[in-house]
Amino acid sequence: MKNRRVMVIGLDGATFNLIKPWVKEGKLPTFKKLMQKGVYGNLKSTIPWATIPAWPSFATGCNPGKHSFYDFFKEKKDSYDLTVELQPSKAVKQPTLWEILSWHKKKVAVINVPATYPPTKINGYMVTGMFTPSGAKFTYPPEFEEEIRKKIGRYNVFFSSLSSKNPESLLEDLMDTLDQRVRLVKYLWDEKSPDFLMMVDNGTDRAEHELWKFIDPMNPLYNPRNVEKYGNPLLKYYQYVDQKLQEILNLLDEETILIVMSDHGQSSLRKFVNLNLFLIEEGFMVIKSKIFSKLKFFLFNHGLTPSNLYRFLKKIGIERLATDRVSPAKRLLILNRFFFSTSDIEWSKTKAFASGVTGAITLNVKGRQPIGVVNPGTEYESVREEIINKLSELKDPETGDYVVRKVYKREEIYEGPYLNQAPDIIATPNDYYEFFGMHGFSFNKVIDYTFANSGEHTLNGIFIAVGEGIKRGVEIEGANIIDLAPTILHIMNLPIPIHMDGKVLKEIFEEDSEFYLREYRYTSNLNKEKEKIKKAMDALKK
């Protein structure tokens, strides 16, 4: 068996909704080449289809019920504070692909993958991804940070731009950041010779969120004068990505397997849905009777909202200062003090609340929440069914369209030892809508026009695989983000942990290839194998 090297390029939020039309128009030649030389198809994300939990699901090959990441943020224990605690990498409850490869003495390089801060000990090199605190150590080994500065120069762990007011300055920042990553990929690939290398570019996601308004005339943020002035900056960024993919392709020989993938897709966002305000209007959430809380709610209804503050900051071009540069804890403190917020909720009378950046709703259960009011068992199921039914019937008063695609009970989509940490209800939005529970009450209508992003996440990301033994020019269906870890382990002729939920994507292989003909190998005792390999590696070092 050949010693296969694998490179994975993650393009956060990349979507075939943009790529296929632009490939057809001859605007993305490298994407076209990759699709002709390999297999490609939609890659189904997690529910919810968000950066977190999608990347930990990719890394572990498991559903969130096993790795425990359901959202960027975790509710503070014994508190109703929302979006306070960012989850560290060590909170991922299953071994990651790069940890498993390290145990098998494979040299790895992991660059800017979300949910990797703080950096973990691996057999190789790691640069952490988004939400790495400013000024924090972001590499493993720690001294690799200095090596990056010497070989690459200035390095953005995340973007530096504070505003999207000028799309040209935004593009300059995104392109500069991607260029740094690709130069690091080249350095690591040529000088360190890893068996496995992975790099994630978050620029595709940021560009789509910020710039979709340039390609959708129905988007509330669409401005024909800006389109005339700036053209199509979203296409410009994709074309830059296309150029950088060609540079990466030039590094590889035929025996290296290249995978290009995204954690979810994206499309136009037109309206936000305020789930907590929905819960108030439906009687599941109750406002405090104190005068100050009632005054804040009155002012909220008359325009004193975080969304209007954001619009003002955006108008003067510093909105990113308030979002990217101010910690979630500080933002929450400001919102609770000056705006109507979850601090004004009477929890002893509240049955449910929404949190996080997705359509997650948690019931206020006795014995589980600090001031729980819903009895476990019959009452819990009754309240949950009532919320699900009302959410399913929610319509946009302006268009009459249903807002919700589908509502799930947590046990319908997750399974594993950390199921009890999942929200009780997970709602998925229809096209053009996005749920907003992150700061409790950002705007004063249940359904309102977007005031920030113009792009929203969608279920299907992208998957492309190229290399010897991979089919050529074939579009596949049914690939899931949790399938990639077991597929990569199989390509590298390593056993697949039996706890992984994903499957090997056998349909991507040529039928006479070693990948197709070789039996899958599984291991049921990962801890024992880890210890065995660790002892072998320690002996090797001595």
Protein backbone atom coordinates (compact mmCIF):
# COMPACT_ATOMS: atom_id res chain seq x y z
CA MET A 1 0.00 0.00 0.00
CA LYS A 2 1.28 3.48 -0.86
CA ASN A 3 1.87 5.95 1.93
CA ARG A 4 -0.85 8.43 0.99
CA ARG A 5 -0.66 12.07 1.98
CA VAL A 6 -3.90 13.97 2.39
CA MET A 7 -4.52 17.72 2.22
CA VAL A 8 -7.87 19.21 3.23
CA ILE A 9 -8.77 22.79 2.32
CA GLY A 10 -11.81 24.01 4.23
CA LEU A 11 -13.67 26.97 2.74
CA ASP A 12 -16.06 28.02 5.48
CA GLY A 13 -19.56 28.52 4.06
CA ALA A 14 -18.59 27.84 0.43
CA THR A 15 -21.57 26.87 -1.72
CA PHE A 16 -22.18 25.33 -5.12
CA ASN A 17 -25.05 27.83 -5.46
CA LEU A 18 -22.30 30.31 -6.39
CA ILE A 19 -19.55 28.02 -7.66
CA LYS A 20 -21.49 26.08 -10.30
CA PRO A 21 -22.89 29.13 -12.17
CA TRP A 22 -19.53 30.89 -12.05
CA VAL A 23 -17.74 27.73 -13.25
CA LYS A 24 -20.20 27.51 -16.14
CA GLU A 25 -19.46 31.14 -17.02
CA GLY A 26 -15.72 30.42 -17.06
CA LYS A 27 -15.01 32.61 -14.03
CA LEU A 28 -13.54 29.93 -11.70
CA PRO A 29 -11.08 27.84 -13.77
CA THR A 30 -9.47 26.01 -10.83
CA PHE A 31 -12.81 24.93 -9.39
CA LYS A 32 -13.73 23.73 -12.89
CA LYS A 33 -10.49 21.77 -13.15
CA LEU A 34 -10.99 20.16 -9.73
CA MET A 35 -14.57 19.15 -10.55
CA GLN A 36 -13.43 17.65 -13.87
CA LYS A 37 -10.45 15.81 -12.37
CA GLY A 38 -12.27 14.48 -9.31
CA VAL A 39 -15.60 13.87 -7.63
CA TYR A 40 -17.81 16.60 -6.26
CA GLY A 41 -21.20 17.05 -4.64
CA ASN A 42 -23.14 18.66 -1.82
CA LEU A 43 -21.89 17.98 1.70
CA LYS A 44 -24.70 17.85 4.24
CA SER A 45 -23.95 19.86 7.36
CA THR A 46 -25.14 19.40 10.92
CA ILE A 47 -28.40 20.64 12.38
CA PRO A 48 -28.16 23.50 13.01
CA TRP A 49 -26.05 24.27 9.94
CA ALA A 50 -23.57 26.52 11.69
CA THR A 51 -19.78 26.77 12.00
CA ILE A 52 -20.18 25.26 15.44
CA PRO A 53 -21.24 22.40 15.67
CA ALA A 54 -20.20 21.62 12.07
CA TRP A 55 -16.40 21.76 12.43
CA PRO A 56 -16.23 19.58 15.57
CA SER A 57 -18.52 17.11 13.76
CA PHE A 58 -16.09 17.05 10.84
CA ALA A 59 -13.10 16.64 13.16
CA THR A 60 -14.57 13.78 15.20
CA GLY A 61 -16.80 12.02 12.67
CA CYS A 62 -19.54 12.22 15.31
CA ASN A 63 -22.88 13.92 15.83
CA PRO A 64 -23.04 16.66 18.52
CA GLY A 65 -24.59 14.21 21.00
CA LYS A 66 -21.18 12.55 21.18
CA HIS A 67 -18.80 15.54 20.98
CA SER A 68 -21.03 17.96 23.00
CA PHE A 69 -20.71 21.11 20.81
CA TYR A 70 -24.16 22.41 19.86
CA ASP A 71 -23.35 26.12 19.49
CA PHE A 72 -20.47 28.58 19.68
CA PHE A 73 -21.46 29.35 23.24
CA LYS A 74 -22.45 27.38 26.28
CA GLU A 75 -24.93 28.60 28.86
CA LYS A 76 -23.28 29.42 32.13
CA LYS A 77 -23.95 26.73 34.72
CA ASP A 78 -26.65 27.59 37.27
CA SER A 79 -27.37 30.85 35.48
CA TYR A 80 -29.56 32.32 32.74
CA ASP A 81 -26.70 34.36 31.31
CA LEU A 82 -26.61 33.65 27.60
CA THR A 83 -23.66 33.59 25.17
CA VAL A 84 -21.12 34.06 27.93
CA GLU A 85 -18.81 31.08 27.68
CA LEU A 86 -16.93 30.22 24.50
CA GLN A 87 -16.12 26.53 24.54
CA PRO A 88 -12.42 25.57 24.52
CA SER A 89 -10.95 22.87 22.28
CA LYS A 90 -10.59 20.51 25.23
CA ALA A 91 -14.39 20.53 25.60
CA VAL A 92 -14.70 18.46 22.40
CA LYS A 93 -15.52 15.10 23.98
CA GLN A 94 -14.24 12.81 21.21
CA PRO A 95 -10.75 12.53 19.73
CA THR A 96 -10.21 14.65 16.64
CA LEU A 97 -8.90 13.38 13.33
CA TRP A 98 -5.51 15.04 13.91
CA GLU A 99 -5.23 13.48 17.37
CA ILE A 100 -5.99 10.02 15.97
CA LEU A 101 -3.44 10.51 13.18
CA SER A 102 -0.89 11.66 15.77
CA TRP A 103 -1.41 8.50 17.80
CA HIS A 104 -0.59 6.53 14.65
CA LYS A 105 2.70 8.44 14.27
CA LYS A 106 1.44 10.39 11.28
CA LYS A 107 2.85 13.91 11.09
CA VAL A 108 0.04 16.48 10.90
CA ALA A 109 -0.39 20.22 10.34
CA VAL A 110 -3.65 21.93 11.31
CA ILE A 111 -4.14 25.57 10.32
CA ASN A 112 -6.94 27.85 11.57
CA VAL A 113 -9.63 25.21 12.05
CA PRO A 114 -12.47 26.57 14.25
CA ALA A 115 -12.82 25.12 17.77
CA THR A 116 -9.08 24.44 18.13
CA TYR A 117 -8.22 27.10 20.73
CA PRO A 118 -6.32 26.57 22.95
CA PRO A 119 -3.89 24.60 20.77
CA THR A 120 -3.60 20.91 21.58
CA LYS A 121 -0.56 18.65 21.60
CA ILE A 122 -0.30 16.79 18.30
CA ASN A 123 2.43 15.10 16.30
CA GLY A 124 3.18 18.16 14.22
CA TYR A 125 2.00 21.75 14.07
CA MET A 126 -1.18 23.61 14.94
CA VAL A 127 -2.35 27.18 14.43
CA THR A 128 -5.65 27.85 16.18
CA GLY A 129 -8.71 29.34 14.50
CA MET A 130 -11.51 31.83 15.07
CA PHE A 131 -12.22 33.08 18.60
CA THR A 132 -8.57 32.79 19.58
CA PRO A 133 -8.24 35.65 22.11
CA SER A 134 -6.19 38.62 20.99
CA GLY A 135 -2.60 38.29 22.19
CA ALA A 136 -3.00 34.64 23.19
CA LYS A 137 -0.55 31.90 22.26
CA PHE A 138 -1.99 30.34 19.13
CA THR A 139 0.39 27.58 18.07
CA TYR A 140 1.59 24.14 19.00
CA PRO A 141 4.40 23.81 19.69
CA PRO A 142 4.45 27.28 21.31
CA GLU A 143 7.72 28.21 19.62
CA PHE A 144 6.15 27.63 16.19
CA GLU A 145 4.55 31.08 16.52
CA GLU A 146 7.98 32.70 16.27
CA GLU A 147 8.87 30.45 13.34
CA ILE A 148 5.75 31.67 11.51
CA ARG A 149 6.77 35.28 12.06
CA LYS A 150 10.24 34.60 10.66
CA LYS A 151 9.08 32.61 7.63
CA ILE A 152 5.69 34.20 6.85
CA GLY A 153 5.82 37.57 8.57
CA ARG A 154 2.69 39.14 10.05
CA TYR A 155 -0.01 36.51 10.59
CA ASN A 156 -3.73 37.09 11.16
CA VAL A 157 -5.30 34.37 13.26
CA PHE A 158 -8.57 36.05 12.30
CA PHE A 159 -9.48 39.08 10.20
CA SER A 160 -8.36 42.55 11.19
CA SER A 161 -10.99 44.69 9.45
CA LEU A 162 -13.45 46.54 11.68
CA SER A 163 -16.03 47.46 9.06
CA SER A 164 -17.69 46.24 5.90
CA LYS A 165 -18.66 49.80 4.93
CA ASN A 166 -16.12 49.73 2.13
CA PRO A 167 -16.13 46.32 0.39
CA GLU A 168 -12.73 47.05 -1.14
CA SER A 169 -11.07 47.34 2.28
CA LEU A 170 -12.90 44.20 3.41
CA LEU A 171 -11.65 42.28 0.36
CA GLU A 172 -8.13 43.54 0.94
CA ASP A 173 -8.24 42.18 4.48
CA LEU A 174 -9.75 38.83 3.48
CA MET A 175 -7.28 38.38 0.62
CA ASP A 176 -4.32 39.31 2.79
CA THR A 177 -5.42 36.82 5.45
CA LEU A 178 -5.92 34.02 2.90
CA ASP A 179 -2.54 34.78 1.32
CA GLN A 180 -0.89 34.35 4.74
CA ARG A 181 -2.60 30.99 5.19
CA VAL A 182 -1.59 29.72 1.75
CA ARG A 183 2.02 30.80 2.28
CA LEU A 184 1.98 28.86 5.56
CA VAL A 185 0.51 25.83 3.75
CA LYS A 186 3.37 25.98 1.21
CA TYR A 187 5.99 26.31 3.93
CA LEU A 188 4.64 23.43 6.01
CA TRP A 189 4.05 21.15 3.02
CA ASP A 190 7.51 21.66 1.55
CA GLU A 191 9.62 22.05 4.68
CA LYS A 192 7.86 19.84 7.26
CA SER A 193 6.40 17.17 4.92
CA PRO A 194 3.26 16.32 6.92
CA ASP A 195 1.26 13.21 6.08
CA PHE A 196 -1.91 15.21 6.69
CA LEU A 197 -2.41 18.95 6.35
CA MET A 198 -5.60 20.92 6.85
CA MET A 199 -6.23 24.62 6.42
CA VAL A 200 -9.50 26.53 6.84
CA ASP A 201 -10.27 29.88 5.22
CA ASN A 202 -13.09 31.73 6.99
CA GLY A 203 -12.99 34.45 4.34
CA THR A 204 -15.57 32.73 2.14
CA ASP A 205 -18.05 32.77 5.01
CA ARG A 206 -17.32 36.38 5.96
CA ALA A 207 -17.49 37.53 2.33
CA GLU A 208 -20.87 35.83 1.82
CA HIS A 209 -22.31 37.25 5.03
CA GLU A 210 -21.18 40.75 4.15
CA LEU A 211 -21.43 40.84 0.35
CA TRP A 212 -24.45 38.79 -0.71
CA LYS A 213 -26.33 42.09 -0.90
CA PHE A 214 -24.40 42.83 -4.09
CA ILE A 215 -25.94 39.89 -5.97
CA ASP A 216 -29.52 39.76 -4.68
CA PRO A 217 -31.70 42.75 -5.71
CA MET A 218 -34.40 41.50 -3.30
CA ASN A 219 -32.05 41.74 -0.32
CA PRO A 220 -33.05 44.63 2.02
CA LEU A 221 -29.42 45.79 2.08
CA TYR A 222 -29.09 45.84 -1.73
CA ASN A 223 -27.99 49.23 -3.02
CA PRO A 224 -27.83 49.70 -6.82
CA ARG A 225 -25.44 52.64 -6.47
CA ASN A 226 -22.98 50.46 -4.54
CA VAL A 227 -23.34 47.71 -7.14
CA GLU A 228 -22.56 50.23 -9.85
CA LYS A 229 -19.57 51.50 -7.87
CA TYR A 230 -18.07 48.23 -6.64
CA GLY A 231 -19.39 45.63 -9.08
CA ASN A 232 -19.49 42.10 -7.63
CA PRO A 233 -16.99 41.93 -4.74
CA LEU A 234 -18.25 38.47 -3.73
CA LEU A 235 -17.21 37.08 -7.11
CA LYS A 236 -13.86 38.88 -6.78
CA TYR A 237 -13.17 37.04 -3.54
CA TYR A 238 -14.16 33.67 -4.99
CA GLN A 239 -11.85 34.34 -7.94
CA TYR A 240 -9.02 35.06 -5.50
CA VAL A 241 -9.79 31.79 -3.70
CA ASP A 242 -9.73 30.09 -7.10
CA GLN A 243 -6.22 31.49 -7.77
CA LYS A 244 -4.98 30.32 -4.37
CA LEU A 245 -6.41 26.84 -4.94
CA GLN A 246 -4.32 26.64 -8.10
CA GLU A 247 -1.22 27.56 -6.09
CA ILE A 248 -2.04 24.77 -3.67
CA LEU A 249 -2.71 22.35 -6.52
CA ASN A 250 0.77 23.10 -7.88
CA LEU A 251 2.27 21.70 -4.66
CA LEU A 252 0.72 18.26 -4.98
CA ASP A 253 1.69 15.09 -6.79
CA GLU A 254 -0.86 12.64 -8.21
CA GLU A 255 -0.65 10.33 -5.20
CA THR A 256 -1.70 13.06 -2.77
CA ILE A 257 -5.43 13.19 -2.15
CA LEU A 258 -6.81 16.74 -2.08
CA ILE A 259 -10.17 17.40 -0.45
CA VAL A 260 -11.87 20.79 -0.73
CA MET A 261 -14.92 21.12 1.51
CA SER A 262 -17.08 23.49 3.50
CA ASP A 263 -18.88 23.16 6.81
CA HIS A 264 -22.20 24.48 5.44
CA GLY A 265 -23.50 26.49 2.52
CA GLN A 266 -24.89 30.00 2.27
CA SER A 267 -27.55 32.04 0.49
CA SER A 268 -29.28 35.39 0.74
CA LEU A 269 -30.57 36.53 4.14
CA ARG A 270 -33.52 38.89 4.09
CA LYS A 271 -35.15 38.69 7.51
CA PHE A 272 -34.29 37.84 11.10
CA VAL A 273 -36.67 35.99 13.45
CA ASN A 274 -36.51 36.99 17.13
CA LEU A 275 -37.27 33.75 18.95
CA ASN A 276 -37.32 35.22 22.46
CA LEU A 277 -39.83 37.87 21.42
CA PHE A 278 -41.89 35.09 19.84
CA LEU A 279 -41.82 33.26 23.19
CA ILE A 280 -42.99 36.42 25.00
CA GLU A 281 -45.87 36.96 22.58
CA GLU A 282 -46.94 33.33 22.93
CA GLY A 283 -46.80 33.47 26.75
CA PHE A 284 -43.86 31.11 27.29
CA MET A 285 -41.61 33.92 28.56
CA VAL A 286 -42.72 36.55 31.11
CA ILE A 287 -41.34 40.05 31.76
CA LYS A 288 -40.60 41.17 35.31
CA SER A 289 -43.25 43.36 36.91
CA LYS A 290 -40.59 45.81 38.17
CA ILE A 291 -40.99 49.37 36.88
CA PHE A 292 -37.44 49.51 35.47
CA SER A 293 -37.97 46.36 33.40
CA LYS A 294 -41.32 47.61 32.12
CA LEU A 295 -39.70 50.95 31.22
CA LYS A 296 -36.93 49.17 29.33
CA PHE A 297 -39.52 47.13 27.45
CA PHE A 298 -41.47 50.31 26.62
CA LEU A 299 -38.32 51.99 25.29
CA PHE A 300 -37.44 48.79 23.43
CA ASN A 301 -40.80 48.86 21.66
CA HIS A 302 -40.17 52.51 20.75
CA GLY A 303 -36.79 51.92 19.13
CA LEU A 304 -34.15 51.63 21.86
CA THR A 305 -32.76 48.35 20.51
CA PRO A 306 -29.31 46.82 19.95
CA SER A 307 -30.16 46.56 16.24
CA ASN A 308 -30.60 50.33 15.99
CA LEU A 309 -27.32 50.83 17.86
CA TYR A 310 -25.67 48.45 15.38
CA ARG A 311 -27.13 50.41 12.44
CA PHE A 312 -25.64 53.59 13.88
CA LEU A 313 -22.21 51.98 14.39
CA LYS A 314 -22.39 50.61 10.86
CA LYS A 315 -23.23 54.03 9.47
CA ILE A 316 -20.06 55.49 10.98
CA GLY A 317 -18.09 52.38 10.00
CA ILE A 318 -17.11 50.83 13.36
CA GLU A 319 -19.69 48.06 13.81
CA ARG A 320 -16.99 45.37 13.77
CA LEU A 321 -15.34 47.08 16.73
CA ALA A 322 -18.47 46.18 18.72
CA THR A 323 -18.78 42.61 17.39
CA ASP A 324 -15.37 41.15 16.57
CA ARG A 325 -13.35 43.11 19.13
CA VAL A 326 -15.61 43.19 22.20
CA SER A 327 -15.88 39.93 24.13
CA PRO A 328 -19.30 38.23 24.39
CA ALA A 329 -19.27 38.73 28.17
CA LYS A 330 -18.72 42.50 27.84
CA ARG A 331 -21.36 42.80 25.12
CA LEU A 332 -23.85 40.97 27.32
CA LEU A 333 -23.03 43.21 30.28
CA ILE A 334 -23.67 46.35 28.18
CA LEU A 335 -26.89 44.97 26.70
CA ASN A 336 -28.26 43.90 30.08
CA ARG A 337 -27.54 47.29 31.61
CA PHE A 338 -28.81 49.64 28.93
CA PHE A 339 -31.31 47.65 26.83
CA PHE A 340 -34.29 45.41 27.41
CA SER A 341 -32.70 41.98 27.78
CA THR A 342 -32.92 38.58 29.41
CA SER A 343 -32.07 40.28 32.72
CA ASP A 344 -35.62 41.68 32.59
CA ILE A 345 -37.24 38.24 32.42
CA GLU A 346 -39.18 36.76 35.35
CA TRP A 347 -37.64 33.30 35.30
CA SER A 348 -39.96 31.94 37.99
CA LYS A 349 -42.82 32.35 35.48
CA THR A 350 -40.95 31.54 32.25
CA LYS A 351 -41.32 28.17 30.54
CA ALA A 352 -38.78 28.47 27.71
CA PHE A 353 -36.04 30.69 26.26
CA ALA A 354 -33.90 30.86 23.12
CA SER A 355 -30.14 31.20 23.15
CA GLY A 356 -27.09 30.96 20.94
CA VAL A 357 -26.83 31.90 17.28
CA THR A 358 -29.25 29.32 15.92
CA GLY A 359 -32.83 28.15 16.33
CA ALA A 360 -32.28 26.58 19.73
CA ILE A 361 -34.94 26.70 22.46
CA THR A 362 -34.45 25.40 26.00
CA LEU A 363 -37.26 24.64 28.40
CA ASN A 364 -36.99 26.02 31.93
CA VAL A 365 -37.16 22.65 33.69
CA LYS A 366 -37.44 22.07 37.43
CA GLY A 367 -34.28 20.52 38.85
CA ARG A 368 -32.28 21.38 35.74
CA GLN A 369 -32.43 25.17 35.43
CA PRO A 370 -31.77 27.45 38.46
CA ILE A 371 -35.43 28.54 38.75
CA GLY A 372 -37.13 25.83 36.72
CA VAL A 373 -40.91 25.85 36.44
CA VAL A 374 -41.70 23.06 33.95
CA ASN A 375 -42.09 19.63 35.53
CA PRO A 376 -40.17 16.81 33.85
CA GLY A 377 -42.29 14.18 32.16
CA THR A 378 -45.82 14.93 31.00
CA GLU A 379 -45.70 18.72 31.41
CA TYR A 380 -42.29 18.90 29.70
CA GLU A 381 -43.58 17.01 26.66
CA SER A 382 -46.80 19.05 26.59
CA VAL A 383 -44.98 22.41 26.64
CA ARG A 384 -42.48 21.20 24.07
CA GLU A 385 -45.23 20.04 21.70
CA GLU A 386 -47.07 23.34 22.11
CA ILE A 387 -43.96 25.38 21.22
CA ILE A 388 -43.19 23.12 18.26
CA ASN A 389 -46.73 23.48 16.92
CA LYS A 390 -46.76 27.26 17.30
CA LEU A 391 -43.32 27.60 15.70
CA SER A 392 -44.38 25.41 12.80
CA GLU A 393 -47.33 27.72 12.17
CA LEU A 394 -45.29 30.95 12.32
CA LYS A 395 -45.79 33.06 9.18
CA ASP A 396 -44.27 36.25 7.90
CA PRO A 397 -47.09 38.83 8.25
CA GLU A 398 -45.85 40.70 5.16
CA THR A 399 -45.63 37.77 2.75
CA GLY A 400 -47.70 35.02 4.36
CA ASP A 401 -44.73 32.65 3.96
CA TYR A 402 -43.94 30.04 6.59
CA VAL A 403 -40.76 31.00 8.42
CA VAL A 404 -39.80 27.57 9.75
CA ARG A 405 -38.59 24.70 7.58
CA LYS A 406 -38.78 22.06 10.31
CA VAL A 407 -38.72 21.84 14.11
CA TYR A 408 -36.96 18.95 15.86
CA LYS A 409 -36.93 17.46 19.31
CA ARG A 410 -33.33 16.98 20.33
CA GLU A 411 -33.54 13.19 20.47
CA GLU A 412 -34.75 13.13 16.85
CA ILE A 413 -31.42 14.38 15.50
CA TYR A 414 -28.81 13.71 18.20
CA GLU A 415 -27.73 10.65 20.12
CA GLY A 416 -24.91 9.97 22.53
CA PRO A 417 -23.73 10.55 26.11
CA TYR A 418 -24.07 14.35 25.84
CA LEU A 419 -27.62 14.45 24.54
CA ASN A 420 -28.70 15.99 27.86
CA GLN A 421 -26.64 19.11 27.02
CA ALA A 422 -28.55 19.74 23.79
CA PRO A 423 -31.34 22.33 23.56
CA ASP A 424 -34.78 20.77 23.89
CA ILE A 425 -36.01 22.14 20.55
CA ILE A 426 -34.06 22.94 17.39
CA ALA A 427 -35.82 24.90 14.65
CA THR A 428 -34.45 25.24 11.12
CA PRO A 429 -35.37 28.29 9.01
CA ASN A 430 -36.80 28.49 5.53
CA ASP A 431 -34.89 30.26 2.76
CA TYR A 432 -34.15 33.97 3.40
CA TYR A 433 -34.81 33.75 7.17
CA GLU A 434 -32.45 33.34 10.10
CA PHE A 435 -33.22 32.81 13.78
CA PHE A 436 -31.78 35.30 16.22
CA GLY A 437 -31.47 34.37 19.87
CA MET A 438 -27.91 35.41 20.52
CA HIS A 439 -28.47 38.55 22.60
CA GLY A 440 -31.99 37.86 23.71
CA PHE A 441 -33.74 40.88 22.20
CA SER A 442 -31.89 42.65 19.41
CA PHE A 443 -34.89 44.07 17.57
CA ASN A 444 -38.50 44.78 18.53
CA LYS A 445 -40.44 42.65 16.03
CA VAL A 446 -40.73 38.89 15.88
CA ILE A 447 -39.80 39.11 12.19
CA ASP A 448 -37.78 42.04 10.92
CA TYR A 449 -35.52 42.90 8.01
CA THR A 450 -31.85 42.05 8.36
CA PHE A 451 -29.78 44.93 9.69
CA ALA A 452 -26.37 43.22 9.68
CA ASN A 453 -25.50 40.25 7.48
CA SER A 454 -26.89 39.83 3.98
CA GLY A 455 -26.01 36.13 3.71
CA GLU A 456 -27.36 33.24 5.79
CA HIS A 457 -26.15 29.68 6.36
CA THR A 458 -27.74 26.77 4.50
CA LEU A 459 -27.65 22.99 4.92
CA ASN A 460 -25.43 21.96 2.01
CA GLY A 461 -21.74 22.73 1.87
CA ILE A 462 -19.35 21.57 -0.84
CA PHE A 463 -17.23 18.44 -1.26
CA ILE A 464 -14.54 17.91 -3.90
CA ALA A 465 -11.91 15.14 -3.88
CA VAL A 466 -9.07 14.75 -6.38
CA GLY A 467 -6.17 12.31 -6.71
CA GLU A 468 -5.07 8.87 -7.82
CA GLY A 469 -7.81 6.32 -7.15
CA ILE A 470 -10.56 8.97 -7.07
CA LYS A 471 -13.22 8.97 -9.79
CA ARG A 472 -13.03 11.73 -12.37
CA GLY A 473 -15.78 14.17 -13.33
CA VAL A 474 -18.43 12.44 -11.23
CA GLU A 475 -21.06 14.22 -9.11
CA ILE A 476 -22.04 12.28 -5.99
CA GLU A 477 -25.01 12.61 -3.65
CA GLY A 478 -25.57 11.90 0.02
CA ALA A 479 -22.20 12.88 1.51
CA ASN A 480 -22.34 14.09 5.10
CA ILE A 481 -19.79 16.17 6.98
CA ILE A 482 -19.31 13.35 9.53
CA ASP A 483 -18.27 11.01 6.68
CA LEU A 484 -14.99 12.79 5.99
CA ALA A 485 -13.00 11.72 9.06
CA PRO A 486 -13.59 7.96 8.50
CA THR A 487 -13.00 8.41 4.76
CA ILE A 488 -9.63 10.11 5.39
CA LEU A 489 -8.59 7.41 7.87
CA HIS A 490 -9.46 4.76 5.29
CA ILE A 491 -7.48 6.58 2.59
CA MET A 492 -4.49 6.63 4.94
CA ASN A 493 -4.96 2.89 5.67
CA LEU A 494 -5.73 3.41 9.34
CA PRO A 495 -8.45 1.81 11.49
CA ILE A 496 -11.68 3.75 11.98
CA PRO A 497 -12.88 4.21 15.58
CA ILE A 498 -16.13 2.29 15.85
CA HIS A 499 -17.79 5.16 17.77
CA MET A 500 -17.72 7.40 14.69
CA ASP A 501 -21.15 8.02 13.19
CA GLY A 502 -19.86 8.75 9.70
CA LYS A 503 -19.27 6.22 6.93
CA VAL A 504 -16.49 5.78 4.39
CA LEU A 505 -17.52 7.44 1.12
CA LYS A 506 -16.79 4.37 -1.00
CA GLU A 507 -18.64 5.88 -3.98
CA ILE A 508 -15.80 8.37 -4.56
CA PHE A 509 -13.24 5.66 -5.37
CA GLU A 510 -12.41 4.04 -8.70
CA GLU A 511 -13.59 0.43 -8.52
CA ASP A 512 -10.13 -0.96 -9.31
CA SER A 513 -8.37 1.29 -6.78
CA GLU A 514 -6.80 0.11 -3.55
CA PHE A 515 -9.26 2.34 -1.63
CA TYR A 516 -12.25 0.56 -3.13
CA LEU A 517 -10.84 -2.97 -2.88
CA ARG A 518 -9.33 -2.65 0.59
CA GLU A 519 -11.48 -3.77 3.55
CA TYR A 520 -12.38 -1.14 6.12
CA ARG A 521 -10.64 -1.61 9.44
CA TYR A 522 -12.31 -0.65 12.69
CA THR A 523 -11.13 -0.32 16.26
CA SER A 524 -13.45 -0.51 19.25
CA ASN A 525 -10.96 0.35 22.01
CA LEU A 526 -9.45 3.68 21.07
CA ASN A 527 -7.99 4.37 24.53
CA LYS A 528 -6.05 1.11 24.55
CA GLU A 529 -4.80 1.80 21.03
CA LYS A 530 -3.85 5.34 22.00
CA GLU A 531 -1.77 4.07 24.93
CA LYS A 532 -0.11 1.39 22.79
CA ILE A 533 0.87 3.92 20.12
CA LYS A 534 2.00 6.46 22.76
CA LYS A 535 4.35 3.89 24.31
CA ALA A 536 5.77 3.09 20.89
CA MET A 537 6.32 6.79 20.16
CA ASP A 538 7.95 7.36 23.59
CA ALA A 539 10.27 4.41 22.98
CA LEU A 540 11.15 5.82 19.58
CA LYS A 541 12.09 9.18 21.14
CA LYS A 542 14.37 7.48 23.69
